[in-house]
All heavy atoms as atom14 arrays in JSON, in Angstrom:
{
  "sequence": "TGFLSAATLALSAWAPSTMAAFTEYLSYTDWQ",
  "atom14_mask": [
    [1, 1, 1, 1, 1, 1, 1, 0, 0, 0, 0, 0, 0, 0],
    [1, 1, 1, 1, 0, 0, 0, 0, 0, 0, 0, 0, 0, 0],
    [1, 1, 1, 1, 1, 1, 1, 1, 1, 1, 1, 0, 0, 0],
    [1, 1, 1, 1, 1, 1, 1, 1, 0, 0, 0, 0, 0, 0],
    [1, 1, 1, 1, 1, 1, 0, 0, 0, 0, 0, 0, 0, 0],
    [1, 1, 1, 1, 1, 0, 0, 0, 0, 0, 0, 0, 0, 0],
    [1, 1, 1, 1, 1, 0, 0, 0, 0, 0, 0, 0, 0, 0],
    [1, 1, 1, 1, 1, 1, 1, 0, 0, 0, 0, 0, 0, 0],
    [1, 1, 1, 1, 1, 1, 1, 1, 0, 0, 0, 0, 0, 0],
    [1, 1, 1, 1, 1, 0, 0, 0, 0, 0, 0, 0, 0, 0],
    [1, 1, 1, 1, 1, 1, 1, 1, 0, 0, 0, 0, 0, 0],
    [1, 1, 1, 1, 1, 1, 0, 0, 0, 0, 0, 0, 0, 0],
    [1, 1, 1, 1, 1, 0, 0, 0, 0, 0, 0, 0, 0, 0],
    [1, 1, 1, 1, 1, 1, 1, 1, 1, 1, 1, 1, 1, 1],
    [1, 1, 1, 1, 1, 0, 0, 0, 0, 0, 0, 0, 0, 0],
    [1, 1, 1, 1, 1, 1, 1, 0, 0, 0, 0, 0, 0, 0],
    [1, 1, 1, 1, 1, 1, 0, 0, 0, 0, 0, 0, 0, 0],
    [1, 1, 1, 1, 1, 1, 1, 0, 0, 0, 0, 0, 0, 0],
    [1, 1, 1, 1, 1, 1, 1, 1, 0, 0, 0, 0, 0, 0],
    [1, 1, 1, 1, 1, 0, 0, 0, 0, 0, 0, 0, 0, 0],
    [1, 1, 1, 1, 1, 0, 0, 0, 0, 0, 0, 0, 0, 0],
    [1, 1, 1, 1, 1, 1, 1, 1, 1, 1, 1, 0, 0, 0],
    [1, 1, 1, 1, 1, 1, 1, 0, 0, 0, 0, 0, 0, 0],
    [1, 1, 1, 1, 1, 1, 1, 1, 1, 0, 0, 0, 0, 0],
    [1, 1, 1, 1, 1, 1, 1, 1, 1, 1, 1, 1, 0, 0],
    [1, 1, 1, 1, 1, 1, 1, 1, 0, 0, 0, 0, 0, 0],
    [1, 1, 1, 1, 1, 1, 0, 0, 0, 0, 0, 0, 0, 0],
    [1, 1, 1, 1, 1, 1, 1, 1, 1, 1, 1, 1, 0, 0],
    [1, 1, 1, 1, 1, 1, 1, 0, 0, 0, 0, 0, 0, 0],
    [1, 1, 1, 1, 1, 1, 1, 1, 0, 0, 0, 0, 0, 0],
    [1, 1, 1, 1, 1, 1, 1, 1, 1, 1, 1, 1, 1, 1],
    [1, 1, 1, 1, 1, 1, 1, 1, 1, 0, 0, 0, 0, 0]
  ],
  "atom14_positions": [
    [[25.92, -9.54, -1.78], [24.58, -9.0, -1.61], [24.56, -7.51, -1.9], [23.65, -7.0, -2.53], [24.09, -9.25, -0.18], [24.12, -10.65, 0.08], [22.68, -8.72, 0.02], [0.0, 0.0, 0.0], [0.0, 0.0, 0.0], [0.0, 0.0, 0.0], [0.0, 0.0, 0.0], [0.0, 0.0, 0.0], [0.0, 0.0, 0.0], [0.0, 0.0, 0.0]],
    [[25.61, -6.8, -1.47], [25.67, -5.36, -1.71], [25.71, -5.03, -3.18], [25.07, -4.1, -3.65], [0.0, 0.0, 0.0], [0.0, 0.0, 0.0], [0.0, 0.0, 0.0], [0.0, 0.0, 0.0], [0.0, 0.0, 0.0], [0.0, 0.0, 0.0], [0.0, 0.0, 0.0], [0.0, 0.0, 0.0], [0.0, 0.0, 0.0], [0.0, 0.0, 0.0]],
    [[26.49, -5.82, -3.95], [26.56, -5.59, -5.4], [25.2, -5.82, -6.03], [24.74, -5.06, -6.87], [27.61, -6.5, -6.03], [27.67, -6.36, -7.53], [28.45, -5.38, -8.11], [26.92, -7.2, -8.35], [28.51, -5.25, -9.49], [26.97, -7.05, -9.72], [27.77, -6.08, -10.29], [0.0, 0.0, 0.0], [0.0, 0.0, 0.0], [0.0, 0.0, 0.0]],
    [[24.55, -6.91, -5.63], [23.24, -7.22, -6.21], [22.23, -6.14, -5.91], [21.43, -5.76, -6.76], [22.74, -8.56, -5.67], [23.41, -9.81, -6.25], [22.93, -11.05, -5.51], [23.12, -9.93, -7.73], [0.0, 0.0, 0.0], [0.0, 0.0, 0.0], [0.0, 0.0, 0.0], [0.0, 0.0, 0.0], [0.0, 0.0, 0.0], [0.0, 0.0, 0.0]],
    [[22.28, -5.6, -4.68], [21.35, -4.54, -4.31], [21.56, -3.31, -5.18], [20.62, -2.74, -5.72], [21.54, -4.19, -2.84], [20.71, -3.1, -2.48], [0.0, 0.0, 0.0], [0.0, 0.0, 0.0], [0.0, 0.0, 0.0], [0.0, 0.0, 0.0], [0.0, 0.0, 0.0], [0.0, 0.0, 0.0], [0.0, 0.0, 0.0], [0.0, 0.0, 0.0]],
    [[22.82, -2.88, -5.33], [23.11, -1.7, -6.15], [22.79, -1.96, -7.62], [22.25, -1.1, -8.31], [24.58, -1.32, -5.99], [0.0, 0.0, 0.0], [0.0, 0.0, 0.0], [0.0, 0.0, 0.0], [0.0, 0.0, 0.0], [0.0, 0.0, 0.0], [0.0, 0.0, 0.0], [0.0, 0.0, 0.0], [0.0, 0.0, 0.0], [0.0, 0.0, 0.0]],
    [[23.12, -3.16, -8.09], [22.87, -3.49, -9.49], [21.37, -3.52, -9.78], [20.91, -3.03, -10.81], [23.49, -4.84, -9.82], [0.0, 0.0, 0.0], [0.0, 0.0, 0.0], [0.0, 0.0, 0.0], [0.0, 0.0, 0.0], [0.0, 0.0, 0.0], [0.0, 0.0, 0.0], [0.0, 0.0, 0.0], [0.0, 0.0, 0.0], [0.0, 0.0, 0.0]],
    [[20.61, -4.07, -8.84], [19.15, -4.14, -9.03], [18.57, -2.76, -9.13], [17.74, -2.47, -9.99], [18.5, -4.9, -7.85], [19.03, -6.22, -7.82], [17.0, -4.96, -8.03], [0.0, 0.0, 0.0], [0.0, 0.0, 0.0], [0.0, 0.0, 0.0], [0.0, 0.0, 0.0], [0.0, 0.0, 0.0], [0.0, 0.0, 0.0], [0.0, 0.0, 0.0]],
    [[18.99, -1.85, -8.25], [18.48, -0.49, -8.28], [18.9, 0.23, -9.55], [18.13, 0.98, -10.14], [18.95, 0.29, -7.06], [18.18, 0.0, -5.77], [18.89, 0.63, -4.59], [16.76, 0.49, -5.88], [0.0, 0.0, 0.0], [0.0, 0.0, 0.0], [0.0, 0.0, 0.0], [0.0, 0.0, 0.0], [0.0, 0.0, 0.0], [0.0, 0.0, 0.0]],
    [[20.13, 0.01, -9.99], [20.6, 0.66, -11.22], [19.81, 0.18, -12.42], [19.38, 0.96, -13.26], [22.08, 0.37, -11.41], [0.0, 0.0, 0.0], [0.0, 0.0, 0.0], [0.0, 0.0, 0.0], [0.0, 0.0, 0.0], [0.0, 0.0, 0.0], [0.0, 0.0, 0.0], [0.0, 0.0, 0.0], [0.0, 0.0, 0.0], [0.0, 0.0, 0.0]],
    [[19.61, -1.13, -12.52], [18.84, -1.67, -13.63], [17.4, -1.21, -13.59], [16.75, -1.05, -14.62], [18.9, -3.21, -13.59], [20.22, -3.84, -14.04], [20.22, -5.32, -13.67], [20.43, -3.66, -15.52], [0.0, 0.0, 0.0], [0.0, 0.0, 0.0], [0.0, 0.0, 0.0], [0.0, 0.0, 0.0], [0.0, 0.0, 0.0], [0.0, 0.0, 0.0]],
    [[16.87, -0.98, -12.39], [15.46, -0.62, -12.26], [15.15, 0.73, -12.88], [14.0, 1.04, -13.17], [15.06, -0.61, -10.78], [15.66, 0.47, -10.1], [0.0, 0.0, 0.0], [0.0, 0.0, 0.0], [0.0, 0.0, 0.0], [0.0, 0.0, 0.0], [0.0, 0.0, 0.0], [0.0, 0.0, 0.0], [0.0, 0.0, 0.0], [0.0, 0.0, 0.0]],
    [[16.16, 1.58, -13.07], [15.92, 2.88, -13.7], [15.38, 2.72, -15.1], [14.7, 3.59, -15.63], [17.22, 3.7, -13.73], [0.0, 0.0, 0.0], [0.0, 0.0, 0.0], [0.0, 0.0, 0.0], [0.0, 0.0, 0.0], [0.0, 0.0, 0.0], [0.0, 0.0, 0.0], [0.0, 0.0, 0.0], [0.0, 0.0, 0.0], [0.0, 0.0, 0.0]],
    [[15.68, 1.58, -15.74], [15.22, 1.33, -17.1], [14.13, 0.26, -17.14], [13.7, -0.13, -18.21], [16.4, 0.88, -17.97], [17.34, 2.02, -18.23], [17.32, 2.88, -19.29], [18.42, 2.44, -17.4], [18.33, 3.8, -19.16], [19.02, 3.56, -18.03], [18.95, 2.0, -16.19], [20.11, 4.22, -17.49], [20.04, 2.67, -15.65], [20.61, 3.76, -16.3]],
    [[13.67, -0.2, -15.98], [12.69, -1.27, -15.93], [11.28, -0.7, -15.88], [11.07, 0.42, -15.43], [12.92, -2.16, -14.7], [0.0, 0.0, 0.0], [0.0, 0.0, 0.0], [0.0, 0.0, 0.0], [0.0, 0.0, 0.0], [0.0, 0.0, 0.0], [0.0, 0.0, 0.0], [0.0, 0.0, 0.0], [0.0, 0.0, 0.0], [0.0, 0.0, 0.0]],
    [[10.27, -1.44, -16.32], [8.89, -0.97, -16.26], [8.45, -0.78, -14.81], [8.77, -1.59, -13.95], [8.1, -2.11, -16.93], [9.11, -2.89, -17.7], [10.4, -2.76, -16.96], [0.0, 0.0, 0.0], [0.0, 0.0, 0.0], [0.0, 0.0, 0.0], [0.0, 0.0, 0.0], [0.0, 0.0, 0.0], [0.0, 0.0, 0.0], [0.0, 0.0, 0.0]],
    [[7.69, 0.31, -14.55], [7.28, 0.6, -13.19], [6.35, -0.46, -12.63], [6.22, -0.61, -11.42], [6.61, 1.97, -13.12], [5.47, 2.01, -13.97], [0.0, 0.0, 0.0], [0.0, 0.0, 0.0], [0.0, 0.0, 0.0], [0.0, 0.0, 0.0], [0.0, 0.0, 0.0], [0.0, 0.0, 0.0], [0.0, 0.0, 0.0], [0.0, 0.0, 0.0]],
    [[5.66, -1.22, -13.5], [4.74, -2.25, -13.02], [5.48, -3.39, -12.33], [4.86, -4.23, -11.68], [3.91, -2.81, -14.18], [4.8, -3.22, -15.24], [2.95, -1.76, -14.71], [0.0, 0.0, 0.0], [0.0, 0.0, 0.0], [0.0, 0.0, 0.0], [0.0, 0.0, 0.0], [0.0, 0.0, 0.0], [0.0, 0.0, 0.0], [0.0, 0.0, 0.0]],
    [[6.81, -3.45, -12.46], [7.58, -4.49, -11.82], [7.98, -4.11, -10.39], [8.61, -4.89, -9.69], [8.85, -4.78, -12.64], [8.59, -5.35, -14.01], [10.11, -5.43, -15.0], [11.13, -6.5, -13.96], [0.0, 0.0, 0.0], [0.0, 0.0, 0.0], [0.0, 0.0, 0.0], [0.0, 0.0, 0.0], [0.0, 0.0, 0.0], [0.0, 0.0, 0.0]],
    [[7.6, -2.92, -9.95], [8.05, -2.42, -8.65], [7.49, -3.24, -7.5], [6.34, -3.68, -7.52], [7.66, -0.96, -8.49], [0.0, 0.0, 0.0], [0.0, 0.0, 0.0], [0.0, 0.0, 0.0], [0.0, 0.0, 0.0], [0.0, 0.0, 0.0], [0.0, 0.0, 0.0], [0.0, 0.0, 0.0], [0.0, 0.0, 0.0], [0.0, 0.0, 0.0]],
    [[8.33, -3.44, -6.49], [7.91, -4.02, -5.22], [8.27, -3.01, -4.14], [9.36, -2.44, -4.16], [8.6, -5.36, -4.98], [0.0, 0.0, 0.0], [0.0, 0.0, 0.0], [0.0, 0.0, 0.0], [0.0, 0.0, 0.0], [0.0, 0.0, 0.0], [0.0, 0.0, 0.0], [0.0, 0.0, 0.0], [0.0, 0.0, 0.0], [0.0, 0.0, 0.0]],
    [[7.37, -2.8, -3.2], [7.56, -1.77, -2.18], [7.64, -2.39, -0.79], [6.99, -3.38, -0.5], [6.39, -0.77, -2.21], [6.19, -0.11, -3.55], [5.22, -0.58, -4.42], [6.96, 0.97, -3.93], [5.03, 0.01, -5.66], [6.78, 1.57, -5.17], [5.81, 1.08, -6.03], [0.0, 0.0, 0.0], [0.0, 0.0, 0.0], [0.0, 0.0, 0.0]],
    [[8.45, -1.76, 0.05], [8.52, -2.11, 1.46], [8.1, -0.89, 2.26], [8.62, 0.21, 2.04], [9.93, -2.55, 1.87], [10.34, -3.65, 1.05], [9.96, -2.98, 3.33], [0.0, 0.0, 0.0], [0.0, 0.0, 0.0], [0.0, 0.0, 0.0], [0.0, 0.0, 0.0], [0.0, 0.0, 0.0], [0.0, 0.0, 0.0], [0.0, 0.0, 0.0]],
    [[7.16, -1.07, 3.18], [6.6, 0.04, 3.93], [7.23, 0.12, 5.33], [7.56, -0.9, 5.93], [5.08, -0.14, 4.05], [4.39, -0.28, 2.71], [3.11, -1.08, 2.81], [2.42, -0.94, 3.84], [2.81, -1.85, 1.89], [0.0, 0.0, 0.0], [0.0, 0.0, 0.0], [0.0, 0.0, 0.0], [0.0, 0.0, 0.0], [0.0, 0.0, 0.0]],
    [[7.35, 1.35, 5.83], [7.96, 1.58, 7.14], [7.11, 2.57, 7.94], [6.73, 3.62, 7.44], [9.38, 2.14, 6.99], [10.3, 1.2, 6.26], [10.43, 1.24, 4.87], [11.04, 0.24, 6.97], [11.27, 0.36, 4.21], [11.88, -0.64, 6.3], [11.98, -0.58, 4.93], [12.81, -1.45, 4.26], [0.0, 0.0, 0.0], [0.0, 0.0, 0.0]],
    [[6.84, 2.2, 9.18], [6.14, 3.09, 10.1], [7.12, 3.7, 11.11], [6.72, 4.49, 11.97], [5.03, 2.34, 10.84], [3.95, 1.71, 9.94], [2.91, 0.99, 10.79], [3.29, 2.77, 9.07], [0.0, 0.0, 0.0], [0.0, 0.0, 0.0], [0.0, 0.0, 0.0], [0.0, 0.0, 0.0], [0.0, 0.0, 0.0], [0.0, 0.0, 0.0]],
    [[8.38, 3.34, 10.98], [9.45, 3.87, 11.84], [10.43, 4.65, 10.98], [10.96, 4.13, 10.0], [10.17, 2.73, 12.56], [11.43, 3.16, 13.07], [0.0, 0.0, 0.0], [0.0, 0.0, 0.0], [0.0, 0.0, 0.0], [0.0, 0.0, 0.0], [0.0, 0.0, 0.0], [0.0, 0.0, 0.0], [0.0, 0.0, 0.0], [0.0, 0.0, 0.0]],
    [[10.7, 5.88, 11.38], [11.65, 6.71, 10.65], [13.05, 6.11, 10.69], [13.76, 6.08, 9.68], [11.64, 8.12, 11.26], [12.62, 9.09, 10.64], [12.82, 9.13, 9.26], [13.33, 9.99, 11.43], [13.7, 10.04, 8.69], [14.21, 10.91, 10.87], [14.4, 10.92, 9.5], [15.27, 11.82, 8.94], [0.0, 0.0, 0.0], [0.0, 0.0, 0.0]],
    [[13.44, 5.59, 11.83], [14.76, 4.98, 11.96], [14.92, 3.77, 11.06], [15.95, 3.59, 10.39], [15.03, 4.58, 13.42], [14.96, 5.74, 14.26], [16.41, 3.93, 13.57], [0.0, 0.0, 0.0], [0.0, 0.0, 0.0], [0.0, 0.0, 0.0], [0.0, 0.0, 0.0], [0.0, 0.0, 0.0], [0.0, 0.0, 0.0], [0.0, 0.0, 0.0]],
    [[13.89, 2.93, 11.02], [13.94, 1.74, 10.15], [14.04, 2.15, 8.69], [14.76, 1.52, 7.9], [12.71, 0.86, 10.38], [12.72, 0.17, 11.73], [13.78, 0.16, 12.38], [11.65, -0.33, 12.14], [0.0, 0.0, 0.0], [0.0, 0.0, 0.0], [0.0, 0.0, 0.0], [0.0, 0.0, 0.0], [0.0, 0.0, 0.0], [0.0, 0.0, 0.0]],
    [[13.3, 3.18, 8.32], [13.35, 3.67, 6.93], [14.75, 4.18, 6.6], [15.3, 3.87, 5.53], [12.32, 4.78, 6.73], [12.28, 5.36, 5.36], [11.56, 4.9, 4.29], [12.99, 6.51, 4.89], [11.79, 5.7, 3.19], [12.65, 6.7, 3.53], [13.87, 7.41, 5.5], [13.17, 7.74, 2.78], [14.39, 8.45, 4.74], [14.04, 8.61, 3.39]],
    [[15.34, 4.94, 7.5], [16.7, 5.46, 7.28], [17.71, 4.33, 7.1], [18.61, 4.41, 6.27], [17.13, 6.34, 8.45], [16.49, 7.71, 8.47], [17.02, 8.55, 9.6], [16.97, 8.17, 10.77], [17.55, 9.72, 9.27], [0.0, 0.0, 0.0], [0.0, 0.0, 0.0], [0.0, 0.0, 0.0], [0.0, 0.0, 0.0], [0.0, 0.0, 0.0]]
  ]
}
């Protein structure tokens, strides 16, 4: 899972921004 997470983020640097999915946080600790 860790590799997939890093790989996804690395590939996303070259991906279209319209493909973005966002997760929202109202807690600073959860965001960190």
